Amino acid sequence: MSNRKAELETLIEDLTERLGRYEAHQHRESGALDKDSVEQAQQIQNDEVVDSLETETRAELAQIKSALERIDHGLGDVCEVCDETIDPRRLQVLPYTTVCIACAENQADTQE
């Protein structure tokens, strides 16, 4: 489980750096909007994409932190929904998951 924890901590570092780049973009640290209206429209469209990526990154960070907390409490391989053991292959593919495949599928079905 320590390899998984180290992997998750590395993911947090990577995602935190990525968030910094997104925030720099949103705060226009590279300069103001272009005066050309076509360029300005493209920059605004890019802002929307970056905003979406930032939201997704924050959600992923929250999942990773939740998984690390569960690992610290000895529950890292236990599904938080059904309390069954999460298949190690699933944890290898998706190290920050906190649910088994059956519960993940059930959650996906209920969201449709």
PDB file of N, CA and C in Angstrom:
ATOM      1  N   MET A   1       0.822  -1.191   0.000  1.00  0.00           N
ATOM      2  CA  MET A   1       0.000   0.000   0.000  1.00  0.00           C
ATOM      3  C   MET A   1       0.866   1.255   0.000  1.00  0.00           C
ATOM      4  N   SER A   2       2.100   1.174   0.461  1.00  0.00           N
ATOM      5  CA  SER A   2       2.968   2.351   0.498  1.00  0.00           C
ATOM      6  C   SER A   2       3.311   2.836  -0.910  1.00  0.00           C
ATOM      7  N   ASN A   3       3.419   1.898  -1.889  1.00  0.00           N
ATOM      8  CA  ASN A   3       3.651   2.313  -3.271  1.00  0.00           C
ATOM      9  C   ASN A   3       2.473   3.135  -3.771  1.00  0.00           C
ATOM     10  N   ARG A   4       1.275   2.711  -3.442  1.00  0.00           N
ATOM     11  CA  ARG A   4       0.071   3.430  -3.845  1.00  0.00           C
ATOM     12  C   ARG A   4       0.054   4.815  -3.213  1.00  0.00           C
ATOM     13  N   LYS A   5       0.404   4.887  -1.944  1.00  0.00           N
ATOM     14  CA  LYS A   5       0.421   6.179  -1.250  1.00  0.00           C
ATOM     15  C   LYS A   5       1.444   7.117  -1.895  1.00  0.00           C
ATOM     16  N   ALA A   6       2.610   6.594  -2.216  1.00  0.00           N
ATOM     17  CA  ALA A   6       3.630   7.419  -2.870  1.00  0.00           C
ATOM     18  C   ALA A   6       3.154   7.884  -4.238  1.00  0.00           C
ATOM     19  N   GLU A   7       2.473   7.008  -4.960  1.00  0.00           N
ATOM     20  CA  GLU A   7       1.935   7.363  -6.271  1.00  0.00           C
ATOM     21  C   GLU A   7       0.894   8.475  -6.144  1.00  0.00           C
ATOM     22  N   LEU A   8       0.040   8.371  -5.144  1.00  0.00           N
ATOM     23  CA  LEU A   8      -0.980   9.391  -4.926  1.00  0.00           C
ATOM     24  C   LEU A   8      -0.359  10.727  -4.520  1.00  0.00           C
ATOM     25  N   GLU A   9       0.667  10.680  -3.705  1.00  0.00           N
ATOM     26  CA  GLU A   9       1.345  11.919  -3.304  1.00  0.00           C
ATOM     27  C   GLU A   9       2.019  12.587  -4.502  1.00  0.00           C
ATOM     28  N   THR A  10       2.574  11.783  -5.407  1.00  0.00           N
ATOM     29  CA  THR A  10       3.160  12.326  -6.632  1.00  0.00           C
ATOM     30  C   THR A  10       2.077  12.942  -7.513  1.00  0.00           C
ATOM     31  N   LEU A  11       0.934  12.285  -7.589  1.00  0.00           N
ATOM     32  CA  LEU A  11      -0.197  12.833  -8.346  1.00  0.00           C
ATOM     33  C   LEU A  11      -0.640  14.181  -7.781  1.00  0.00           C
ATOM     34  N   ILE A  12      -0.663  14.300  -6.465  1.00  0.00           N
ATOM     35  CA  ILE A  12      -1.045  15.570  -5.838  1.00  0.00           C
ATOM     36  C   ILE A  12      -0.070  16.667  -6.252  1.00  0.00           C
ATOM     37  N   GLU A  13       1.215  16.365  -6.230  1.00  0.00           N
ATOM     38  CA  GLU A  13       2.219  17.358  -6.638  1.00  0.00           C
ATOM     39  C   GLU A  13       2.003  17.778  -8.086  1.00  0.00           C
ATOM     40  N   ASP A  14       1.803  16.810  -8.967  1.00  0.00           N
ATOM     41  CA  ASP A  14       1.598  17.102 -10.385  1.00  0.00           C
ATOM     42  C   ASP A  14       0.343  17.938 -10.609  1.00  0.00           C
ATOM     43  N   LEU A  15      -0.739  17.566  -9.957  1.00  0.00           N
ATOM     44  CA  LEU A  15      -2.002  18.286 -10.136  1.00  0.00           C
ATOM     45  C   LEU A  15      -1.933  19.687  -9.529  1.00  0.00           C
ATOM     46  N   THR A  16      -1.206  19.838  -8.438  1.00  0.00           N
ATOM     47  CA  THR A  16      -1.044  21.156  -7.823  1.00  0.00           C
ATOM     48  C   THR A  16      -0.264  22.081  -8.754  1.00  0.00           C
ATOM     49  N   GLU A  17       0.772  21.557  -9.392  1.00  0.00           N
ATOM     50  CA  GLU A  17       1.521  22.343 -10.381  1.00  0.00           C
ATOM     51  C   GLU A  17       0.622  22.724 -11.552  1.00  0.00           C
ATOM     52  N   ARG A  18      -0.177  21.780 -12.017  1.00  0.00           N
ATOM     53  CA  ARG A  18      -1.098  22.037 -13.124  1.00  0.00           C
ATOM     54  C   ARG A  18      -2.091  23.138 -12.742  1.00  0.00           C
ATOM     55  N   LEU A  19      -2.614  23.070 -11.520  1.00  0.00           N
ATOM     56  CA  LEU A  19      -3.539  24.102 -11.050  1.00  0.00           C
ATOM     57  C   LEU A  19      -2.882  25.475 -11.059  1.00  0.00           C
ATOM     58  N   GLY A  20      -1.625  25.519 -10.688  1.00  0.00           N
ATOM     59  CA  GLY A  20      -0.885  26.782 -10.704  1.00  0.00           C
ATOM     60  C   GLY A  20      -0.826  27.374 -12.106  1.00  0.00           C
ATOM     61  N   ARG A  21      -0.614  26.526 -13.089  1.00  0.00           N
ATOM     62  CA  ARG A  21      -0.583  27.004 -14.483  1.00  0.00           C
ATOM     63  C   ARG A  21      -1.956  27.489 -14.916  1.00  0.00           C
ATOM     64  N   TYR A  22      -3.005  26.768 -14.540  1.00  0.00           N
ATOM     65  CA  TYR A  22      -4.363  27.188 -14.891  1.00  0.00           C
ATOM     66  C   TYR A  22      -4.687  28.538 -14.253  1.00  0.00           C
ATOM     67  N   GLU A  23      -4.335  28.679 -12.985  1.00  0.00           N
ATOM     68  CA  GLU A  23      -4.612  29.930 -12.285  1.00  0.00           C
ATOM     69  C   GLU A  23      -3.827  31.081 -12.898  1.00  0.00           C
ATOM     70  N   ALA A  24      -2.583  30.827 -13.280  1.00  0.00           N
ATOM     71  CA  ALA A  24      -1.780  31.866 -13.939  1.00  0.00           C
ATOM     72  C   ALA A  24      -2.443  32.293 -15.243  1.00  0.00           C
ATOM     73  N   HIS A  25      -2.965  31.323 -15.976  1.00  0.00           N
ATOM     74  CA  HIS A  25      -3.652  31.630 -17.227  1.00  0.00           C
ATOM     75  C   HIS A  25      -4.894  32.488 -16.950  1.00  0.00           C
ATOM     76  N   GLN A  26      -5.675  32.088 -15.954  1.00  0.00           N
ATOM     77  CA  GLN A  26      -6.915  32.792 -15.639  1.00  0.00           C
ATOM     78  C   GLN A  26      -6.653  34.216 -15.138  1.00  0.00           C
ATOM     79  N   HIS A  27      -5.519  34.431 -14.494  1.00  0.00           N
ATOM     80  CA  HIS A  27      -5.173  35.760 -13.985  1.00  0.00           C
ATOM     81  C   HIS A  27      -4.381  36.577 -15.011  1.00  0.00           C
ATOM     82  N   ARG A  28      -4.272  36.021 -16.216  1.00  0.00           N
ATOM     83  CA  ARG A  28      -3.601  36.706 -17.327  1.00  0.00           C
ATOM     84  C   ARG A  28      -2.173  37.143 -16.975  1.00  0.00           C
ATOM     85  N   GLU A  29      -1.442  36.263 -16.309  1.00  0.00           N
ATOM     86  CA  GLU A  29      -0.074  36.584 -15.934  1.00  0.00           C
ATOM     87  C   GLU A  29       0.839  36.724 -17.143  1.00  0.00           C
ATOM     88  N   SER A  30       0.393  36.197 -18.297  1.00  0.00           N
ATOM     89  CA  SER A  30       1.201  36.331 -19.511  1.00  0.00           C
ATOM     90  C   SER A  30       0.806  37.571 -20.309  1.00  0.00           C
ATOM     91  N   GLY A  31      -0.145  38.349 -19.811  1.00  0.00           N
ATOM     92  CA  GLY A  31      -0.544  39.574 -20.490  1.00  0.00           C
ATOM     93  C   GLY A  31      -2.048  39.676 -20.650  1.00  0.00           C
ATOM     94  N   ALA A  32      -2.493  40.892 -20.955  1.00  0.00           N
ATOM     95  CA  ALA A  32      -3.921  41.165 -21.107  1.00  0.00           C
ATOM     96  C   ALA A  32      -4.446  40.548 -22.396  1.00  0.00           C
ATOM     97  N   LEU A  33      -5.763  40.601 -22.559  1.00  0.00           N
ATOM     98  CA  LEU A  33      -6.392  40.116 -23.782  1.00  0.00           C
ATOM     99  C   LEU A  33      -5.855  40.886 -24.985  1.00  0.00           C
ATOM    100  N   ASP A  34      -5.761  40.206 -26.096  1.00  0.00           N
ATOM    101  CA  ASP A  34      -5.337  40.805 -27.353  1.00  0.00           C
ATOM    102  C   ASP A  34      -6.368  41.845 -27.785  1.00  0.00           C
ATOM    103  N   LYS A  35      -5.914  42.901 -28.464  1.00  0.00           N
ATOM    104  CA  LYS A  35      -6.841  43.942 -28.911  1.00  0.00           C
ATOM    105  C   LYS A  35      -7.651  43.510 -30.126  1.00  0.00           C
ATOM    106  N   ASP A  36      -7.137  42.567 -30.893  1.00  0.00           N
ATOM    107  CA  ASP A  36      -7.846  42.045 -32.062  1.00  0.00           C
ATOM    108  C   ASP A  36      -9.049  41.245 -31.580  1.00  0.00           C
ATOM    109  N   SER A  37     -10.243  41.574 -32.085  1.00  0.00           N
ATOM    110  CA  SER A  37     -11.462  40.929 -31.602  1.00  0.00           C
ATOM    111  C   SER A  37     -11.494  39.427 -31.890  1.00  0.00           C
ATOM    112  N   VAL A  38     -10.927  39.002 -33.015  1.00  0.00           N
ATOM    113  CA  VAL A  38     -10.886  37.568 -33.332  1.00  0.00           C
ATOM    114  C   VAL A  38      -9.966  36.851 -32.344  1.00  0.00           C
ATOM    115  N   GLU A  39      -8.811  37.438 -32.103  1.00  0.00           N
ATOM    116  CA  GLU A  39      -7.875  36.851 -31.131  1.00  0.00           C
ATOM    117  C   GLU A  39      -8.481  36.856 -29.736  1.00  0.00           C
ATOM    118  N   GLN A  40      -9.168  37.928 -29.408  1.00  0.00           N
ATOM    119  CA  GLN A  40      -9.797  38.054 -28.101  1.00  0.00           C
ATOM    120  C   GLN A  40     -10.869  36.973 -27.911  1.00  0.00           C
ATOM    121  N   ALA A  41     -11.645  36.722 -28.946  1.00  0.00           N
ATOM    122  CA  ALA A  41     -12.671  35.677 -28.882  1.00  0.00           C
ATOM    123  C   ALA A  41     -12.032  34.309 -28.645  1.00  0.00           C
ATOM    124  N   GLN A  42     -10.916  34.054 -29.328  1.00  0.00           N
ATOM    125  CA  GLN A  42     -10.200  32.785 -29.151  1.00  0.00           C
ATOM    126  C   GLN A  42      -9.664  32.668 -27.723  1.00  0.00           C
ATOM    127  N   GLN A  43      -9.132  33.759 -27.202  1.00  0.00           N
ATOM    128  CA  GLN A  43      -8.607  33.734 -25.841  1.00  0.00           C
ATOM    129  C   GLN A  43      -9.721  33.478 -24.825  1.00  0.00           C
ATOM    130  N   ILE A  44     -10.880  34.069 -25.050  1.00  0.00           N
ATOM    131  CA  ILE A  44     -12.011  33.855 -24.146  1.00  0.00           C
ATOM    132  C   ILE A  44     -12.477  32.403 -24.220  1.00  0.00           C
ATOM    133  N   GLN A  45     -12.497  31.845 -25.419  1.00  0.00           N
ATOM    134  CA  GLN A  45     -12.861  30.436 -25.575  1.00  0.00           C
ATOM    135  C   GLN A  45     -11.848  29.550 -24.854  1.00  0.00           C
ATOM    136  N   ASN A  46     -10.574  29.894 -24.972  1.00  0.00           N
ATOM    137  CA  ASN A  46      -9.535  29.146 -24.258  1.00  0.00           C
ATOM    138  C   ASN A  46      -9.738  29.240 -22.750  1.00  0.00           C
ATOM    139  N   ASP A  47     -10.176  30.411 -22.279  1.00  0.00           N
ATOM    140  CA  ASP A  47     -10.440  30.582 -20.847  1.00  0.00           C
ATOM    141  C   ASP A  47     -11.486  29.597 -20.361  1.00  0.00           C
ATOM    142  N   GLU A  48     -12.512  29.389 -21.172  1.00  0.00           N
ATOM    143  CA  GLU A  48     -13.580  28.455 -20.794  1.00  0.00           C
ATOM    144  C   GLU A  48     -13.045  27.028 -20.693  1.00  0.00           C
ATOM    145  N   VAL A  49     -12.176  26.658 -21.604  1.00  0.00           N
ATOM    146  CA  VAL A  49     -11.575  25.322 -21.574  1.00  0.00           C
ATOM    147  C   VAL A  49     -10.697  25.176 -20.333  1.00  0.00           C
ATOM    148  N   VAL A  50      -9.878  26.185 -20.072  1.00  0.00           N
ATOM    149  CA  VAL A  50      -8.984  26.142 -18.910  1.00  0.00           C
ATOM    150  C   VAL A  50      -9.804  26.098 -17.624  1.00  0.00           C
ATOM    151  N   ASP A  51     -10.900  26.835 -17.572  1.00  0.00           N
ATOM    152  CA  ASP A  51     -11.769  26.826 -16.398  1.00  0.00           C
ATOM    153  C   ASP A  51     -12.322  25.423 -16.163  1.00  0.00           C
ATOM    154  N   SER A  52     -12.741  24.762 -17.225  1.00  0.00           N
ATOM    155  CA  SER A  52     -13.257  23.401 -17.128  1.00  0.00           C
ATOM    156  C   SER A  52     -12.164  22.437 -16.642  1.00  0.00           C
ATOM    157  N   LEU A  53     -10.973  22.582 -17.193  1.00  0.00           N
ATOM    158  CA  LEU A  53      -9.850  21.731 -16.774  1.00  0.00           C
ATOM    159  C   LEU A  53      -9.505  21.969 -15.306  1.00  0.00           C
ATOM    160  N   GLU A  54      -9.573  23.221 -14.884  1.00  0.00           N
ATOM    161  CA  GLU A  54      -9.281  23.546 -13.489  1.00  0.00           C
ATOM    162  C   GLU A  54     -10.304  22.882 -12.558  1.00  0.00           C
ATOM    163  N   THR A  55     -11.566  22.920 -12.937  1.00  0.00           N
ATOM    164  CA  THR A  55     -12.623  22.293 -12.141  1.00  0.00           C
ATOM    165  C   THR A  55     -12.392  20.785 -12.040  1.00  0.00           C
ATOM    166  N   GLU A  56     -12.073  20.154 -13.165  1.00  0.00           N
ATOM    167  CA  GLU A  56     -11.810  18.715 -13.165  1.00  0.00           C
ATOM    168  C   GLU A  56     -10.591  18.371 -12.306  1.00  0.00           C
ATOM    169  N   THR A  57      -9.554  19.197 -12.385  1.00  0.00           N
ATOM    170  CA  THR A  57      -8.339  18.957 -11.607  1.00  0.00           C
ATOM    171  C   THR A  57      -8.618  19.078 -10.114  1.00  0.00           C
ATOM    172  N   ARG A  58      -9.397  20.075  -9.732  1.00  0.00           N
ATOM    173  CA  ARG A  58      -9.753  20.228  -8.310  1.00  0.00           C
ATOM    174  C   ARG A  58     -10.551  19.023  -7.807  1.00  0.00           C
ATOM    175  N   ALA A  59     -11.454  18.514  -8.635  1.00  0.00           N
ATOM    176  CA  ALA A  59     -12.238  17.332  -8.254  1.00  0.00           C
ATOM    177  C   ALA A  59     -11.324  16.113  -8.100  1.00  0.00           C
ATOM    178  N   GLU A  60     -10.385  15.959  -9.011  1.00  0.00           N
ATOM    179  CA  GLU A  60      -9.449  14.835  -8.931  1.00  0.00           C
ATOM    180  C   GLU A  60      -8.579  14.949  -7.678  1.00  0.00           C
ATOM    181  N   LEU A  61      -8.136  16.160  -7.360  1.00  0.00           N
ATOM    182  CA  LEU A  61      -7.349  16.370  -6.142  1.00  0.00           C
ATOM    183  C   LEU A  61      -8.151  15.980  -4.899  1.00  0.00           C
ATOM    184  N   ALA A  62      -9.412  16.335  -4.879  1.00  0.00           N
ATOM    185  CA  ALA A  62     -10.254  15.979  -3.734  1.00  0.00           C
ATOM    186  C   ALA A  62     -10.375  14.462  -3.603  1.00  0.00           C
ATOM    187  N   GLN A  63     -10.523  13.767  -4.733  1.00  0.00           N
ATOM    188  CA  GLN A  63     -10.605  12.301  -4.701  1.00  0.00           C
ATOM    189  C   GLN A  63      -9.309  11.699  -4.171  1.00  0.00           C
ATOM    190  N   ILE A  64      -8.191  12.238  -4.619  1.00  0.00           N
ATOM    191  CA  ILE A  64      -6.898  11.709  -4.189  1.00  0.00           C
ATOM    192  C   ILE A  64      -6.706  11.928  -2.693  1.00  0.00           C
ATOM    193  N   LYS A  65      -7.049  13.109  -2.210  1.00  0.00           N
ATOM    194  CA  LYS A  65      -6.907  13.402  -0.778  1.00  0.00           C
ATOM    195  C   LYS A  65      -7.809  12.495   0.047  1.00  0.00           C
ATOM    196  N   SER A  66      -8.997  12.220  -0.448  1.00  0.00           N
ATOM    197  CA  SER A  66      -9.909  11.302   0.235  1.00  0.00           C
ATOM    198  C   SER A  66      -9.310   9.897   0.289  1.00  0.00           C
ATOM    199  N   ALA A  67      -8.738   9.457  -0.825  1.00  0.00           N
ATOM    200  CA  ALA A  67      -8.116   8.127  -0.868  1.00  0.00           C
ATOM    201  C   ALA A  67      -6.934   8.052   0.099  1.00  0.00           C
ATOM    202  N   LEU A  68      -6.112   9.099   0.148  1.00  0.00           N
ATOM    203  CA  LEU A  68      -4.977   9.113   1.078  1.00  0.00           C
ATOM    204  C   LEU A  68      -5.444   9.064   2.528  1.00  0.00           C
ATOM    205  N   GLU A  69      -6.496   9.784   2.828  1.00  0.00           N
ATOM    206  CA  GLU A  69      -7.045   9.776   4.185  1.00  0.00           C
ATOM    207  C   GLU A  69      -7.520   8.371   4.557  1.00  0.00           C
ATOM    208  N   ARG A  70      -8.170   7.703   3.604  1.00  0.00           N
ATOM    209  CA  ARG A  70      -8.637   6.342   3.851  1.00  0.00           C
ATOM    210  C   ARG A  70      -7.453   5.393   4.049  1.00  0.00           C
ATOM    211  N   ILE A  71      -6.403   5.582   3.277  1.00  0.00           N
ATOM    212  CA  ILE A  71      -5.194   4.755   3.434  1.00  0.00           C
ATOM    213  C   ILE A  71      -4.618   4.974   4.831  1.00  0.00           C
ATOM    214  N   ASP A  72      -4.528   6.242   5.263  1.00  0.00           N
ATOM    215  CA  ASP A  72      -3.983   6.560   6.583  1.00  0.00           C
ATOM    216  C   ASP A  72      -4.807   5.929   7.710  1.00  0.00           C
ATOM    217  N   HIS A  73      -6.095   5.716   7.461  1.00  0.00           N
ATOM    218  CA  HIS A  73      -6.964   5.102   8.472  1.00  0.00           C
ATOM    219  C   HIS A  73      -7.103   3.591   8.270  1.00  0.00           C
ATOM    220  N   GLY A  74      -6.275   3.027   7.374  1.00  0.00           N
ATOM    221  CA  GLY A  74      -6.290   1.579   7.159  1.00  0.00           C
ATOM    222  C   GLY A  74      -7.455   1.081   6.323  1.00  0.00           C
ATOM    223  N   LEU A  75      -8.104   1.990   5.591  1.00  0.00           N
ATOM    224  CA  LEU A  75      -9.270   1.617   4.797  1.00  0.00           C
ATOM    225  C   LEU A  75      -9.044   1.782   3.304  1.00  0.00           C
ATOM    226  N   GLY A  76      -7.805   1.899   2.896  1.00  0.00           N
ATOM    227  CA  GLY A  76      -7.486   2.214   1.505  1.00  0.00           C
ATOM    228  C   GLY A  76      -7.939   1.205   0.474  1.00  0.00           C
ATOM    229  N   ASP A  77      -8.118  -0.038   0.874  1.00  0.00           N
ATOM    230  CA  ASP A  77      -8.548  -1.048  -0.094  1.00  0.00           C
ATOM    231  C   ASP A  77      -9.954  -1.558   0.195  1.00  0.00           C
ATOM    232  N   VAL A  78     -10.713  -0.799   0.992  1.00  0.00           N
ATOM    233  CA  VAL A  78     -12.080  -1.164   1.344  1.00  0.00           C
ATOM    234  C   VAL A  78     -13.036  -0.186   0.668  1.00  0.00           C
ATOM    235  N   CYS A  79     -14.040  -0.715  -0.003  1.00  0.00           N
ATOM    236  CA  CYS A  79     -15.036   0.112  -0.677  1.00  0.00           C
ATOM    237  C   CYS A  79     -15.795   0.941   0.356  1.00  0.00           C
ATOM    238  N   GLU A  80     -15.907   2.244   0.114  1.00  0.00           N
ATOM    239  CA  GLU A  80     -16.601   3.106   1.074  1.00  0.00           C
ATOM    240  C   GLU A  80     -18.118   2.970   0.997  1.00  0.00           C
ATOM    241  N   VAL A  81     -18.625   2.241   0.004  1.00  0.00           N
ATOM    242  CA  VAL A  81     -20.067   2.042  -0.130  1.00  0.00           C
ATOM    243  C   VAL A  81     -20.506   0.711   0.484  1.00  0.00           C
ATOM    244  N   CYS A  82     -19.855  -0.385   0.073  1.00  0.00           N
ATOM    245  CA  CYS A  82     -20.316  -1.721   0.498  1.00  0.00           C
ATOM    246  C   CYS A  82     -19.390  -2.409   1.503  1.00  0.00           C
ATOM    247  N   ASP A  83     -18.255  -1.792   1.803  1.00  0.00           N
ATOM    248  CA  ASP A  83     -17.270  -2.332   2.756  1.00  0.00           C
ATOM    249  C   ASP A  83     -16.584  -3.615   2.292  1.00  0.00           C
ATOM    250  N   GLU A  84     -16.721  -3.956   1.011  1.00  0.00           N
ATOM    251  CA  GLU A  84     -15.996  -5.104   0.457  1.00  0.00           C
ATOM    252  C   GLU A  84     -14.596  -4.642   0.032  1.00  0.00           C
ATOM    253  N   THR A  85     -13.689  -5.591  -0.139  1.00  0.00           N
ATOM    254  CA  THR A  85     -12.344  -5.267  -0.584  1.00  0.00           C
ATOM    255  C   THR A  85     -12.357  -4.865  -2.060  1.00  0.00           C
ATOM    256  N   ILE A  86     -11.655  -3.777  -2.372  1.00  0.00           N
ATOM    257  CA  ILE A  86     -11.534  -3.323  -3.759  1.00  0.00           C
ATOM    258  C   ILE A  86     -10.471  -4.180  -4.443  1.00  0.00           C
ATOM    259  N   ASP A  87     -10.788  -4.679  -5.619  1.00  0.00           N
ATOM    260  CA  ASP A  87      -9.867  -5.520  -6.388  1.00  0.00           C
ATOM    261  C   ASP A  87      -8.541  -4.766  -6.575  1.00  0.00           C
ATOM    262  N   PRO A  88      -7.415  -5.393  -6.211  1.00  0.00           N
ATOM    263  CA  PRO A  88      -6.114  -4.742  -6.357  1.00  0.00           C
ATOM    264  C   PRO A  88      -5.827  -4.275  -7.789  1.00  0.00           C
ATOM    265  N   ARG A  89      -6.369  -4.971  -8.779  1.00  0.00           N
ATOM    266  CA  ARG A  89      -6.172  -4.548 -10.177  1.00  0.00           C
ATOM    267  C   ARG A  89      -6.862  -3.214 -10.431  1.00  0.00           C
ATOM    268  N   ARG A  90      -8.010  -3.008  -9.816  1.00  0.00           N
ATOM    269  CA  ARG A  90      -8.710  -1.726  -9.953  1.00  0.00           C
ATOM    270  C   ARG A  90      -7.890  -0.616  -9.306  1.00  0.00           C
ATOM    271  N   LEU A  91      -7.321  -0.893  -8.139  1.00  0.00           N
ATOM    272  CA  LEU A  91      -6.498   0.100  -7.453  1.00  0.00           C
ATOM    273  C   LEU A  91      -5.231   0.416  -8.244  1.00  0.00           C
ATOM    274  N   GLN A  92      -4.734  -0.572  -8.967  1.00  0.00           N
ATOM    275  CA  GLN A  92      -3.543  -0.353  -9.781  1.00  0.00           C
ATOM    276  C   GLN A  92      -3.859   0.588 -10.944  1.00  0.00           C
ATOM    277  N   VAL A  93      -5.019   0.412 -11.541  1.00  0.00           N
ATOM    278  CA  VAL A  93      -5.428   1.235 -12.682  1.00  0.00           C
ATOM    279  C   VAL A  93      -5.913   2.606 -12.229  1.00  0.00           C
ATOM    280  N   LEU A  94      -6.637   2.646 -11.127  1.00  0.00           N
ATOM    281  CA  LEU A  94      -7.233   3.876 -10.624  1.00  0.00           C
ATOM    282  C   LEU A  94      -6.888   3.999  -9.134  1.00  0.00           C
ATOM    283  N   PRO A  95      -5.649   4.408  -8.833  1.00  0.00           N
ATOM    284  CA  PRO A  95      -5.163   4.351  -7.454  1.00  0.00           C
ATOM    285  C   PRO A  95      -5.931   5.216  -6.461  1.00  0.00           C
ATOM    286  N   TYR A  96      -6.674   6.198  -6.931  1.00  0.00           N
ATOM    287  CA  TYR A  96      -7.401   7.049  -5.991  1.00  0.00           C
ATOM    288  C   TYR A  96      -8.873   6.665  -5.853  1.00  0.00           C
ATOM    289  N   THR A  97      -9.255   5.517  -6.381  1.00  0.00           N
ATOM    290  CA  THR A  97     -10.642   5.100  -6.214  1.00  0.00           C
ATOM    291  C   THR A  97     -10.898   4.718  -4.759  1.00  0.00           C
ATOM    292  N   THR A  98     -12.136   4.929  -4.346  1.00  0.00           N
ATOM    293  CA  THR A  98     -12.536   4.541  -2.991  1.00  0.00           C
ATOM    294  C   THR A  98     -13.744   3.603  -3.041  1.00  0.00           C
ATOM    295  N   VAL A  99     -14.097   3.166  -4.254  1.00  0.00           N
ATOM    296  CA  VAL A  99     -15.231   2.254  -4.418  1.00  0.00           C
ATOM    297  C   VAL A  99     -14.843   1.077  -5.312  1.00  0.00           C
ATOM    298  N   CYS A 100     -15.476  -0.052  -5.064  1.00  0.00           N
ATOM    299  CA  CYS A 100     -15.244  -1.234  -5.890  1.00  0.00           C
ATOM    300  C   CYS A 100     -15.924  -1.043  -7.245  1.00  0.00           C
ATOM    301  N   ILE A 101     -15.645  -1.904  -8.180  1.00  0.00           N
ATOM    302  CA  ILE A 101     -16.197  -1.773  -9.532  1.00  0.00           C
ATOM    303  C   ILE A 101     -17.718  -1.887  -9.525  1.00  0.00           C
ATOM    304  N   ALA A 102     -18.268  -2.789  -8.726  1.00  0.00           N
ATOM    305  CA  ALA A 102     -19.726  -2.961  -8.691  1.00  0.00           C
ATOM    306  C   ALA A 102     -20.408  -1.684  -8.199  1.00  0.00           C
ATOM    307  N   CYS A 103     -19.882  -1.083  -7.152  1.00  0.00           N
ATOM    308  CA  CYS A 103     -20.481   0.144  -6.619  1.00  0.00           C
ATOM    309  C   CYS A 103     -20.273   1.310  -7.581  1.00  0.00           C
ATOM    310  N   ALA A 104     -19.121   1.356  -8.266  1.00  0.00           N
ATOM    311  CA  ALA A 104     -18.884   2.415  -9.257  1.00  0.00           C
ATOM    312  C   ALA A 104     -19.888   2.302 -10.394  1.00  0.00           C
ATOM    313  N   GLU A 105     -20.159   1.075 -10.828  1.00  0.00           N
ATOM    314  CA  GLU A 105     -21.145   0.868 -11.901  1.00  0.00           C
ATOM    315  C   GLU A 105     -22.540   1.261 -11.428  1.00  0.00           C
ATOM    316  N   ASN A 106     -22.871   0.928 -10.183  1.00  0.00           N
ATOM    317  CA  ASN A 106     -24.179   1.309  -9.632  1.00  0.00           C
ATOM    318  C   ASN A 106     -24.317   2.828  -9.560  1.00  0.00           C
ATOM    319  N   GLN A 107     -23.253   3.508  -9.153  1.00  0.00           N
ATOM    320  CA  GLN A 107     -23.278   4.966  -9.089  1.00  0.00           C
ATOM    321  C   GLN A 107     -23.451   5.565 -10.483  1.00  0.00           C
ATOM    322  N   ALA A 108     -22.782   4.984 -11.473  1.00  0.00           N
ATOM    323  CA  ALA A 108     -22.884   5.471 -12.838  1.00  0.00           C
ATOM    324  C   ALA A 108     -24.307   5.273 -13.368  1.00  0.00           C
ATOM    325  N   ASP A 109     -24.907   4.127 -13.038  1.00  0.00           N
ATOM    326  CA  ASP A 109     -26.282   3.837 -13.483  1.00  0.00           C
ATOM    327  C   ASP A 109     -27.271   4.828 -12.893  1.00  0.00           C
ATOM    328  N   THR A 110     -27.086   5.209 -11.645  1.00  0.00           N
ATOM    329  CA  THR A 110     -28.021   6.115 -11.004  1.00  0.00           C
ATOM    330  C   THR A 110     -27.860   7.555 -11.473  1.00  0.00           C
ATOM    331  N   GLN A 111     -26.693   7.880 -12.064  1.00  0.00           N
ATOM    332  CA  GLN A 111     -26.452   9.233 -12.570  1.00  0.00           C
ATOM    333  C   GLN A 111     -26.989   9.431 -13.968  1.00  0.00           C
ATOM    334  N   GLU A 112     -27.349   8.353 -14.636  1.00  0.00           N
ATOM    335  CA  GLU A 112     -27.828   8.469 -16.019  1.00  0.00           C
ATOM    336  C   GLU A 112     -29.242   8.910 -16.101  1.00  0.00           C
TER     337      GLU A 112
END
